[in-house]
Amino acid sequence: QVQLVESGGGLVQAGGSLRLSCAVSASIFRLYGVGWYRQAPGKQRELVAAASSGGLTNYADSVKGRFTISRDNAKKTVTLQMNSLKPEDTAVYYCNANIGRDDYWGQGTRVTVSS
């Protein structure tokens, strides 16, 4: 059983920044791929950023240059630094960890960006 707990969401003005954090209880966290997804009302959940166990990262085109995903294997945490936020970034953000056929999700944290 792996549990994920997210924090850091909130209300911010356009152009501002937020840092989301995710604590993962996996016993061998370094072997898991991790990622951040988001879902806006009426839309499908989409991948925002991901980091492999080997440290490779990838981003949705819409956030490249603005968001940065990082992982701390010692602390078993995943972070998403979000800069230059736009109203279209408004969504519930979910942390994900996966290994093999196993896929785990956090409860989500809401991000609202006002203009």
Protein backbone atom coordinates (compact mmCIF):
# COMPACT_ATOMS: atom_id res chain seq x y z
CA GLN A 1 0.00 0.00 0.00
CA VAL A 2 1.31 3.39 -1.06
CA GLN A 3 -0.21 6.65 0.11
CA LEU A 4 0.30 10.10 -1.37
CA VAL A 5 -0.50 13.36 0.39
CA GLU A 6 -0.49 16.63 -1.52
CA SER A 7 -0.21 20.17 -0.23
CA GLY A 8 0.47 23.68 -1.46
CA GLY A 9 -2.59 24.47 -3.53
CA GLY A 10 -4.46 27.71 -3.18
CA LEU A 11 -5.58 30.94 -4.77
CA VAL A 12 -3.07 33.05 -6.66
CA GLN A 13 -3.17 35.92 -9.12
CA ALA A 14 -2.13 35.50 -12.73
CA GLY A 15 1.63 35.81 -13.06
CA GLY A 16 2.20 34.48 -9.58
CA SER A 17 3.79 31.27 -8.35
CA LEU A 18 2.85 28.23 -6.30
CA ARG A 19 4.80 25.21 -5.16
CA LEU A 20 2.96 21.91 -4.78
CA SER A 21 4.37 19.13 -2.65
CA CYS A 22 3.58 15.43 -2.46
CA ALA A 23 4.73 13.05 0.25
CA VAL A 24 4.89 9.40 -0.83
CA SER A 25 4.92 6.48 1.61
CA ALA A 26 6.49 3.92 -0.77
CA SER A 27 9.18 1.88 0.94
CA ILE A 28 11.48 2.04 -2.09
CA PHE A 29 10.42 5.38 -3.48
CA ARG A 30 13.41 5.72 -5.80
CA LEU A 31 12.09 2.89 -7.99
CA TYR A 32 8.79 4.65 -8.75
CA GLY A 33 7.96 6.93 -11.61
CA VAL A 34 6.15 10.06 -10.43
CA GLY A 35 4.04 12.72 -12.01
CA TRP A 36 1.60 15.55 -11.64
CA TYR A 37 -1.75 15.56 -13.41
CA ARG A 38 -4.55 18.09 -13.41
CA GLN A 39 -8.24 18.12 -14.13
CA ALA A 40 -10.40 21.16 -14.74
CA PRO A 41 -14.22 21.02 -14.52
CA GLY A 42 -15.70 19.42 -17.62
CA LYS A 43 -12.30 18.35 -18.93
CA GLN A 44 -10.30 15.13 -18.92
CA ARG A 45 -7.40 14.61 -16.58
CA GLU A 46 -4.13 15.48 -18.29
CA LEU A 47 -0.47 14.91 -17.60
CA VAL A 48 1.32 18.07 -16.52
CA ALA A 49 4.80 16.80 -15.71
CA ALA A 50 6.50 13.48 -15.01
CA ALA A 51 9.83 12.23 -13.71
CA SER A 52 11.13 8.71 -14.14
CA SER A 53 13.05 6.72 -11.56
CA GLY A 54 16.15 7.57 -13.58
CA GLY A 55 15.53 11.29 -13.33
CA LEU A 56 14.23 11.95 -16.84
CA THR A 57 11.47 14.54 -17.01
CA ASN A 58 8.82 15.54 -19.49
CA TYR A 59 6.21 18.27 -19.57
CA ALA A 60 2.99 19.15 -21.29
CA ASP A 61 3.60 21.74 -23.99
CA SER A 62 1.30 24.16 -22.20
CA VAL A 63 3.56 24.35 -19.13
CA LYS A 64 7.06 24.02 -20.60
CA GLY A 65 9.31 26.79 -19.37
CA ARG A 66 6.93 27.66 -16.53
CA PHE A 67 6.65 24.51 -14.41
CA THR A 68 9.39 22.33 -12.96
CA ILE A 69 8.99 18.87 -11.46
CA SER A 70 11.56 17.55 -9.02
CA ARG A 71 11.94 14.61 -6.69
CA ASP A 72 13.85 14.08 -3.47
CA ASN A 73 14.41 10.37 -2.99
CA ALA A 74 15.77 10.82 0.53
CA LYS A 75 12.68 12.72 1.68
CA LYS A 76 10.33 10.71 -0.56
CA THR A 77 8.72 13.82 -1.94
CA VAL A 78 7.70 15.18 -5.32
CA THR A 79 7.32 18.88 -5.99
CA LEU A 80 5.89 20.98 -8.77
CA GLN A 81 7.14 24.54 -8.95
CA MET A 82 4.65 26.60 -10.93
CA ASN A 83 5.66 30.03 -12.16
CA SER A 84 3.98 32.59 -14.39
CA LEU A 85 0.61 31.07 -13.62
CA LYS A 86 -2.29 31.65 -15.98
CA PRO A 87 -6.05 31.41 -15.41
CA GLU A 88 -6.09 28.32 -17.65
CA ASP A 89 -3.89 26.57 -15.09
CA THR A 90 -6.86 26.48 -12.73
CA ALA A 91 -7.59 22.84 -11.88
CA VAL A 92 -7.33 20.17 -9.25
CA TYR A 93 -3.79 18.84 -9.31
CA TYR A 94 -3.08 15.19 -8.51
CA CYS A 95 0.17 13.53 -7.57
CA ASN A 96 0.88 10.09 -9.04
CA ALA A 97 3.38 7.34 -8.33
CA ASN A 98 3.68 4.17 -10.36
CA ILE A 99 5.71 1.00 -10.68
CA GLY A 100 4.89 -1.91 -12.94
CA ARG A 101 1.15 -2.50 -12.86
CA ASP A 102 0.68 -0.49 -9.67
CA ASP A 103 -0.62 3.06 -9.86
CA TYR A 104 -1.26 5.32 -6.89
CA TRP A 105 -2.91 8.72 -6.61
CA GLY A 106 -3.17 11.50 -4.09
CA GLN A 107 -6.42 13.14 -3.07
CA GLY A 108 -5.77 16.23 -5.17
CA THR A 109 -5.12 19.85 -4.30
CA ARG A 110 -6.98 22.74 -5.85
CA VAL A 111 -5.21 25.55 -7.68
CA THR A 112 -7.15 28.65 -8.66
CA VAL A 113 -5.55 31.40 -10.72
CA SER A 114 -7.41 34.69 -10.94
CA SER A 115 -6.93 37.36 -13.59
